[in-house]
């Protein structure tokens, strides 16, 4: 199969709509990461998403819409969701709803809930309006790899597997959407993202809980209620190890670990804050952004992890950020990229 990589315009959007209506796949940009979309009401099309990604079908997908009226055929909308949609849609918030029978079980991994969001990226919005379908879309990467934030990342993973990639430039947020569960008691974040716990609480005027699996692997008997809850995810090919502790001790330990790996003949590097680039200049440092700006770190993270593969890195040692605000989302992704391998400085 030839994979077309096209800039977004009236012609390419029309082609994308035709492909989606005919049961084929289209990769498209959102404000979070690039998505791999299929008609959410066509179970065969949705199954082809899992095949293209090499992803197990027991992981639920997010349904993307362009207008709230599309919810009428998909799910039951509780009153608690209304102020959230007013505040954060369109945008990087996914809400879990009780699903209607029209939503195929393959979209929800057999769960009685469906995850829905309304992306704000102009290309995603235009594509969804043009096809006028709910579109089920995980990130447009091979399963387990870092999510794509550039069209070139999608082409790297999906060339020859899908017919079309719409190029909308770099993604703004750089991490997948926040997933909020409104179906099982108190509002609970299943996957942190750009819409933070504090932002949600300011709208709901009640406490928002955090799922226990955000900063740990799923237990053997736990179901994935949301995408991105698997044990290892977002990972480059090399082994990632997180180093926690006092800043000075972390820098010293990063240097020590790097030198040990190099002495063993392994290609190694460190991921560090902008503030530590100079002091770690002999350790093949990769700048993940300022420690005072977790949104910058979020924006850079997946692009940095993909660069590690291009450089053939075998072992990677990373600083960590406080798991607060957007920092929680960063640590959720870094933790899974490292399969929760952590060293105390």
Protein backbone atom coordinates (compact mmCIF):
# COMPACT_ATOMS: atom_id res chain seq x y z
CA UNK A 1 0.00 0.00 0.00
CA UNK A 2 1.24 3.49 -0.84
CA UNK A 3 1.00 5.94 2.04
CA UNK A 4 0.31 9.52 0.98
CA UNK A 5 1.62 12.34 3.18
CA UNK A 6 -0.36 15.44 2.22
CA UNK A 7 -0.71 18.97 3.58
CA UNK A 8 -4.14 19.81 4.85
CA UNK A 9 -6.30 21.50 2.21
CA UNK A 10 -9.78 21.10 0.75
CA UNK A 11 -8.68 18.30 -1.57
CA UNK A 12 -6.83 16.23 1.06
CA UNK A 13 -9.64 16.69 3.59
CA UNK A 14 -12.14 15.44 1.02
CA UNK A 15 -9.92 12.42 0.34
CA UNK A 16 -9.66 11.75 4.09
CA UNK A 17 -13.44 11.88 4.45
CA UNK A 18 -13.93 9.47 1.52
CA UNK A 19 -11.39 7.04 3.00
CA UNK A 20 -13.01 7.11 6.44
CA UNK A 21 -16.48 6.59 4.98
CA UNK A 22 -15.20 3.58 3.02
CA UNK A 23 -13.78 1.90 6.12
CA UNK A 24 -10.14 2.88 5.66
CA UNK A 25 -7.70 4.61 8.01
CA UNK A 26 -6.42 8.19 8.10
CA UNK A 27 -3.72 9.66 10.36
CA UNK A 28 -4.42 13.23 11.39
CA UNK A 29 -3.00 15.88 13.73
CA UNK A 30 -4.60 16.93 16.98
CA UNK A 31 -3.44 19.45 19.56
CA UNK A 32 -2.13 16.52 21.66
CA UNK A 33 -0.51 13.97 19.30
CA UNK A 34 -1.26 12.56 15.84
CA UNK A 35 -4.18 10.12 15.79
CA UNK A 36 -4.90 7.06 13.63
CA UNK A 37 -8.56 7.33 12.79
CA UNK A 38 -11.32 4.95 11.67
CA UNK A 39 -15.10 5.24 11.49
CA UNK A 40 -16.04 4.50 15.11
CA UNK A 41 -19.33 2.88 14.03
CA UNK A 42 -17.63 0.38 11.67
CA UNK A 43 -16.18 -2.51 13.72
CA UNK A 44 -14.13 -3.86 10.79
CA UNK A 45 -12.52 -0.45 10.25
CA UNK A 46 -11.73 -0.19 13.96
CA UNK A 47 -10.14 -3.64 13.95
CA UNK A 48 -7.83 -2.48 11.18
CA UNK A 49 -6.53 0.24 13.54
CA UNK A 50 -5.31 -2.43 15.94
CA UNK A 51 -3.73 -4.35 13.07
CA UNK A 52 -1.87 -1.29 11.74
CA UNK A 53 -0.53 -0.44 15.19
CA UNK A 54 0.21 -4.00 16.24
CA UNK A 55 -1.88 -3.22 19.32
CA UNK A 56 -3.91 -5.65 21.44
CA UNK A 57 -7.65 -5.19 21.04
CA UNK A 58 -8.14 -5.18 24.83
CA UNK A 59 -7.10 -1.52 24.98
CA UNK A 60 -10.02 0.94 24.53
CA UNK A 61 -9.95 3.74 21.95
CA UNK A 62 -11.06 7.37 22.15
CA UNK A 63 -13.89 8.56 19.91
CA UNK A 64 -13.36 12.01 18.38
CA UNK A 65 -16.28 14.26 17.47
CA UNK A 66 -16.70 17.79 16.08
CA UNK A 67 -20.09 18.68 17.58
CA UNK A 68 -21.86 17.84 20.83
CA UNK A 69 -24.94 16.71 18.92
CA UNK A 70 -22.96 13.59 17.91
CA UNK A 71 -23.07 12.43 21.53
CA UNK A 72 -26.78 11.71 21.17
CA UNK A 73 -26.21 8.44 19.36
CA UNK A 74 -23.10 7.42 21.27
CA UNK A 75 -23.59 7.75 25.00
CA UNK A 76 -25.52 9.03 28.00
CA UNK A 77 -24.30 12.45 29.11
CA UNK A 78 -24.55 13.19 32.85
CA UNK A 79 -25.13 16.71 34.10
CA UNK A 80 -21.64 16.74 35.64
CA UNK A 81 -20.13 16.61 32.17
CA UNK A 82 -21.80 19.77 30.91
CA UNK A 83 -19.60 22.37 32.68
CA UNK A 84 -16.51 20.36 31.70
CA UNK A 85 -17.50 20.42 28.04
CA UNK A 86 -18.22 24.15 28.32
CA UNK A 87 -14.78 24.77 29.81
CA UNK A 88 -12.52 22.35 27.94
CA UNK A 89 -14.16 21.34 24.63
CA UNK A 90 -12.78 21.63 22.09
CA UNK A 91 -9.50 20.72 23.76
CA UNK A 92 -7.36 18.00 25.34
CA UNK A 93 -9.95 16.50 27.70
CA UNK A 94 -11.46 13.04 27.16
CA UNK A 95 -14.54 12.11 29.20
CA UNK A 96 -15.76 8.59 29.93
CA UNK A 97 -19.50 8.10 29.37
CA UNK A 98 -21.89 5.16 29.58
CA UNK A 99 -22.06 3.92 26.00
CA UNK A 100 -25.07 3.20 23.81
CA UNK A 101 -25.36 -0.05 21.77
CA UNK A 102 -24.44 1.83 18.56
CA UNK A 103 -20.81 1.95 19.72
CA UNK A 104 -19.14 -1.35 18.75
CA UNK A 105 -17.54 -3.32 21.58
CA UNK A 106 -14.23 -3.31 19.70
CA UNK A 107 -14.01 0.46 20.30
CA UNK A 108 -14.39 0.08 24.07
CA UNK A 109 -12.56 -3.24 24.56
CA UNK A 110 -15.89 -4.68 25.71
CA UNK A 111 -16.31 -2.10 28.48
CA UNK A 112 -19.72 -0.46 29.09
CA UNK A 113 -18.12 2.98 28.82
CA UNK A 114 -16.89 4.99 25.85
CA UNK A 115 -14.19 7.68 25.92
CA UNK A 116 -15.03 10.80 23.88
CA UNK A 117 -13.29 14.07 23.13
CA UNK A 118 -13.56 17.05 20.79
CA UNK A 119 -10.12 18.05 19.46
CA UNK A 120 -9.28 21.71 18.98
CA UNK A 121 -6.67 21.32 16.24
CA UNK A 122 -8.06 23.03 13.11
CA UNK A 123 -7.11 20.12 10.82
CA UNK A 124 -8.73 17.53 13.09
CA UNK A 125 -11.84 19.69 13.41
CA UNK A 126 -12.05 20.20 9.64
CA UNK A 127 -11.61 16.50 8.91
CA UNK A 128 -14.28 15.52 11.43
CA UNK A 129 -16.71 18.09 10.01
CA UNK A 130 -16.03 16.95 6.45
CA UNK A 131 -16.59 13.24 7.09
CA UNK A 132 -19.31 13.91 9.71
CA UNK A 133 -18.51 10.64 11.50
CA UNK A 134 -17.40 9.85 15.02
CA UNK A 135 -13.79 8.76 14.55
CA UNK A 136 -12.10 6.25 16.87
CA UNK A 137 -8.42 7.07 17.08
CA UNK A 138 -5.49 6.04 19.24
CA UNK A 139 -2.10 7.66 18.70
CA UNK A 140 -0.72 7.00 15.20
CA UNK A 141 2.36 5.04 16.24
CA UNK A 142 3.37 1.41 16.40
CA UNK A 143 2.14 -0.01 19.69
CA UNK A 144 4.42 0.79 22.61
CA UNK A 145 6.55 3.38 20.80
CA UNK A 146 6.62 7.09 21.67
CA UNK A 147 3.53 8.85 20.37
CA UNK A 148 3.96 10.93 17.20
CA UNK A 149 3.97 14.71 17.41
CA UNK A 150 5.06 15.26 13.79
CA UNK A 151 3.71 13.82 10.55
CA UNK A 152 7.19 12.42 9.87
CA UNK A 153 6.90 10.34 13.05
CA UNK A 154 3.67 8.83 11.71
CA UNK A 155 5.26 8.06 8.34
CA UNK A 156 8.14 6.31 10.12
CA UNK A 157 5.74 3.90 11.85
CA UNK A 158 2.84 3.67 9.38
CA UNK A 159 4.40 3.79 5.90
CA UNK A 160 2.81 1.10 3.77
CA UNK A 161 0.14 0.33 6.39
CA UNK A 162 -2.35 3.17 5.87
CA UNK A 163 -3.40 5.17 2.80
CA UNK A 164 -3.17 8.75 4.09
CA UNK A 165 -1.44 11.01 6.61
CA UNK A 166 -2.66 14.59 6.92
CA UNK A 167 0.22 16.90 7.82
CA UNK A 168 -0.82 19.65 10.21
CA UNK A 169 2.61 20.54 11.57
CA UNK A 170 3.87 19.92 15.10
CA UNK A 171 1.38 19.16 17.86
CA UNK A 172 1.03 21.90 20.45
CA UNK A 173 0.51 20.03 23.74
CA UNK A 174 2.72 17.05 22.90
CA UNK A 175 1.09 14.56 25.31
CA UNK A 176 -2.19 12.70 24.94
CA UNK A 177 -5.39 14.09 26.42
CA UNK A 178 -6.45 13.90 30.04
CA UNK A 179 -8.96 11.05 30.51
CA UNK A 180 -11.62 11.68 33.18
CA UNK A 181 -13.96 8.98 34.48
CA UNK A 182 -17.41 10.23 35.47
CA UNK A 183 -19.01 6.77 35.53
CA UNK A 184 -17.63 5.12 38.67
CA UNK A 185 -18.31 7.38 41.64
CA UNK A 186 -16.16 10.46 42.26
CA UNK A 187 -14.60 12.11 39.18
CA UNK A 188 -11.30 10.31 38.63
CA UNK A 189 -8.38 11.00 36.29
CA UNK A 190 -7.39 7.77 34.57
CA UNK A 191 -4.70 9.35 32.41
CA UNK A 192 -3.24 12.80 33.16
CA UNK A 193 -2.69 15.29 30.37
CA UNK A 194 -2.76 19.00 29.59
CA UNK A 195 -6.00 19.55 31.51
CA UNK A 196 -4.81 19.16 35.09
CA UNK A 197 -6.49 17.99 38.28
CA UNK A 198 -6.50 21.58 39.53
CA UNK A 199 -8.17 22.85 36.37
CA UNK A 200 -10.89 20.19 36.60
CA UNK A 201 -11.54 20.92 40.27
CA UNK A 202 -11.91 24.62 39.55
CA UNK A 203 -14.82 23.80 37.23
CA UNK A 204 -16.43 20.92 39.14
CA UNK A 205 -16.00 22.51 42.59
CA UNK A 206 -15.31 19.09 44.06
CA UNK A 207 -12.29 16.89 44.58
CA UNK A 208 -11.01 15.02 41.54
CA UNK A 209 -9.31 11.74 42.36
CA UNK A 210 -6.28 10.18 40.67
CA UNK A 211 -6.35 6.55 39.56
CA UNK A 212 -3.80 4.50 41.46
CA UNK A 213 -2.32 3.18 38.22
CA UNK A 214 -1.12 6.59 37.00
CA UNK A 215 2.35 6.20 38.49
CA UNK A 216 2.52 2.40 38.69
CA UNK A 217 1.85 -0.57 36.39
CA UNK A 218 -1.58 -2.15 36.17
CA UNK A 219 -2.03 -5.13 38.49
CA UNK A 220 -2.59 -8.52 36.80
CA UNK A 221 -6.35 -8.40 37.46
CA UNK A 222 -6.85 -4.73 36.54
CA UNK A 223 -8.57 -3.78 33.31
CA UNK A 224 -7.37 -0.83 31.25
CA UNK A 225 -10.27 1.63 31.48
CA UNK A 226 -8.34 4.14 29.39
CA UNK A 227 -5.65 4.17 26.71
CA UNK A 228 -2.10 4.52 28.00
CA UNK A 229 -2.57 2.41 31.15
CA UNK A 230 -0.46 -0.54 30.02
CA UNK A 231 2.75 -1.46 31.86
CA UNK A 232 5.23 -0.33 29.21
CA UNK A 233 4.19 2.36 26.78
CA UNK A 234 5.63 5.36 24.93
CA UNK A 235 9.03 3.63 25.00
CA UNK A 236 12.11 4.08 22.81
CA UNK A 237 14.08 0.96 21.89
CA UNK A 238 16.78 1.60 24.49
CA UNK A 239 16.29 0.99 28.22
CA UNK A 240 15.09 4.12 30.05
CA UNK A 241 15.89 4.50 33.75
CA UNK A 242 14.58 7.34 35.93
CA UNK A 243 16.81 8.86 38.61
CA UNK A 244 15.10 10.47 41.60
CA UNK A 245 16.43 12.52 44.49
CA UNK A 246 18.05 15.83 45.39
CA UNK A 247 19.07 17.77 42.26
CA UNK A 248 22.79 17.76 43.04
CA UNK A 249 22.78 14.04 43.87
CA UNK A 250 20.79 13.26 40.71
CA UNK A 251 23.28 15.09 38.50
CA UNK A 252 26.17 13.21 40.11
CA UNK A 253 24.38 9.86 39.71
CA UNK A 254 23.51 10.57 36.09
CA UNK A 255 27.18 11.21 35.37
CA UNK A 256 28.18 8.00 37.17
CA UNK A 257 25.59 5.86 35.38
CA UNK A 258 26.49 7.29 31.99
CA UNK A 259 30.20 6.55 32.51
CA UNK A 260 29.43 2.99 33.63
CA UNK A 261 27.44 2.32 30.47
CA UNK A 262 30.07 3.82 28.18
CA UNK A 263 32.74 1.70 29.90
CA UNK A 264 30.66 -1.37 29.06
CA UNK A 265 30.56 -0.32 25.40
CA UNK A 266 26.90 0.75 25.38
CA UNK A 267 25.71 3.86 23.59
CA UNK A 268 24.21 5.97 26.35
CA UNK A 269 22.87 9.45 27.11
CA UNK A 270 21.07 11.46 29.77
CA UNK A 271 17.79 13.38 29.59
CA UNK A 272 18.18 16.48 31.71
CA UNK A 273 16.73 19.89 32.43
CA UNK A 274 17.97 22.90 30.49
CA UNK A 275 19.58 24.13 33.70
CA UNK A 276 21.85 21.05 33.84
CA UNK A 277 22.91 20.87 30.19
CA UNK A 278 26.28 22.50 30.86
CA UNK A 279 27.24 20.49 33.93
CA UNK A 280 26.32 17.26 32.09
CA UNK A 281 27.89 18.28 28.79
CA UNK A 282 30.20 15.24 28.82
CA UNK A 283 27.29 12.79 29.18
CA UNK A 284 25.60 13.20 25.77
CA UNK A 285 22.83 15.34 27.32
CA UNK A 286 19.41 15.80 25.72
CA UNK A 287 17.56 18.93 26.81
CA UNK A 288 14.00 18.10 27.93
CA UNK A 289 13.21 21.69 28.91
CA UNK A 290 13.35 23.86 31.99
CA UNK A 291 12.58 22.22 35.34
CA UNK A 292 10.37 25.26 36.01
CA UNK A 293 8.21 24.70 32.92
CA UNK A 294 6.55 21.25 32.83
CA UNK A 295 4.45 22.27 29.81
CA UNK A 296 7.64 22.78 27.82
CA UNK A 297 8.87 19.35 28.96
CA UNK A 298 5.54 17.81 27.92
CA UNK A 299 5.79 19.47 24.51
CA UNK A 300 9.31 18.13 23.91
CA UNK A 301 9.06 14.68 25.49
CA UNK A 302 7.93 12.36 22.69
CA UNK A 303 10.06 14.11 20.08
CA UNK A 304 13.07 13.60 22.37
CA UNK A 305 12.27 9.93 22.97
CA UNK A 306 12.01 9.33 19.22
CA UNK A 307 15.35 11.06 18.65
CA UNK A 308 16.96 8.49 20.95
CA UNK A 309 16.06 5.74 18.49
CA UNK A 310 17.44 7.72 15.57
CA UNK A 311 20.72 7.98 17.49
CA UNK A 312 20.74 4.28 18.40
CA UNK A 313 20.79 4.86 22.16
CA UNK A 314 20.91 1.62 24.17
CA UNK A 315 20.60 3.06 27.67
CA UNK A 316 19.00 6.33 28.75
CA UNK A 317 19.02 7.94 32.20
CA UNK A 318 16.52 10.70 32.93
CA UNK A 319 15.83 13.38 35.49
CA UNK A 320 12.29 13.50 36.84
CA UNK A 321 9.84 16.34 37.48
CA UNK A 322 7.54 16.74 40.50
CA UNK A 323 4.26 14.87 39.71
CA UNK A 324 2.13 18.00 40.07
CA UNK A 325 0.04 19.82 37.47
CA UNK A 326 1.24 18.92 33.98
CA UNK A 327 4.27 17.34 35.68
CA UNK A 328 1.98 14.43 36.64
CA UNK A 329 1.32 13.76 32.95
CA UNK A 330 5.05 13.94 32.17
CA UNK A 331 5.87 11.44 34.92
CA UNK A 332 3.05 9.14 33.81
CA UNK A 333 4.59 8.95 30.32
CA UNK A 334 8.20 8.75 31.52
CA UNK A 335 7.30 6.07 34.06
CA UNK A 336 5.74 3.87 31.41
CA UNK A 337 8.55 4.57 28.94
CA UNK A 338 10.92 3.24 31.63
CA UNK A 339 8.59 0.35 32.57
CA UNK A 340 8.81 1.97 36.02
CA UNK A 341 12.55 1.33 36.36
CA UNK A 342 13.64 3.92 38.97
CA UNK A 343 16.92 4.49 40.79
CA UNK A 344 17.22 6.64 43.90
CA UNK A 345 20.19 9.01 43.73
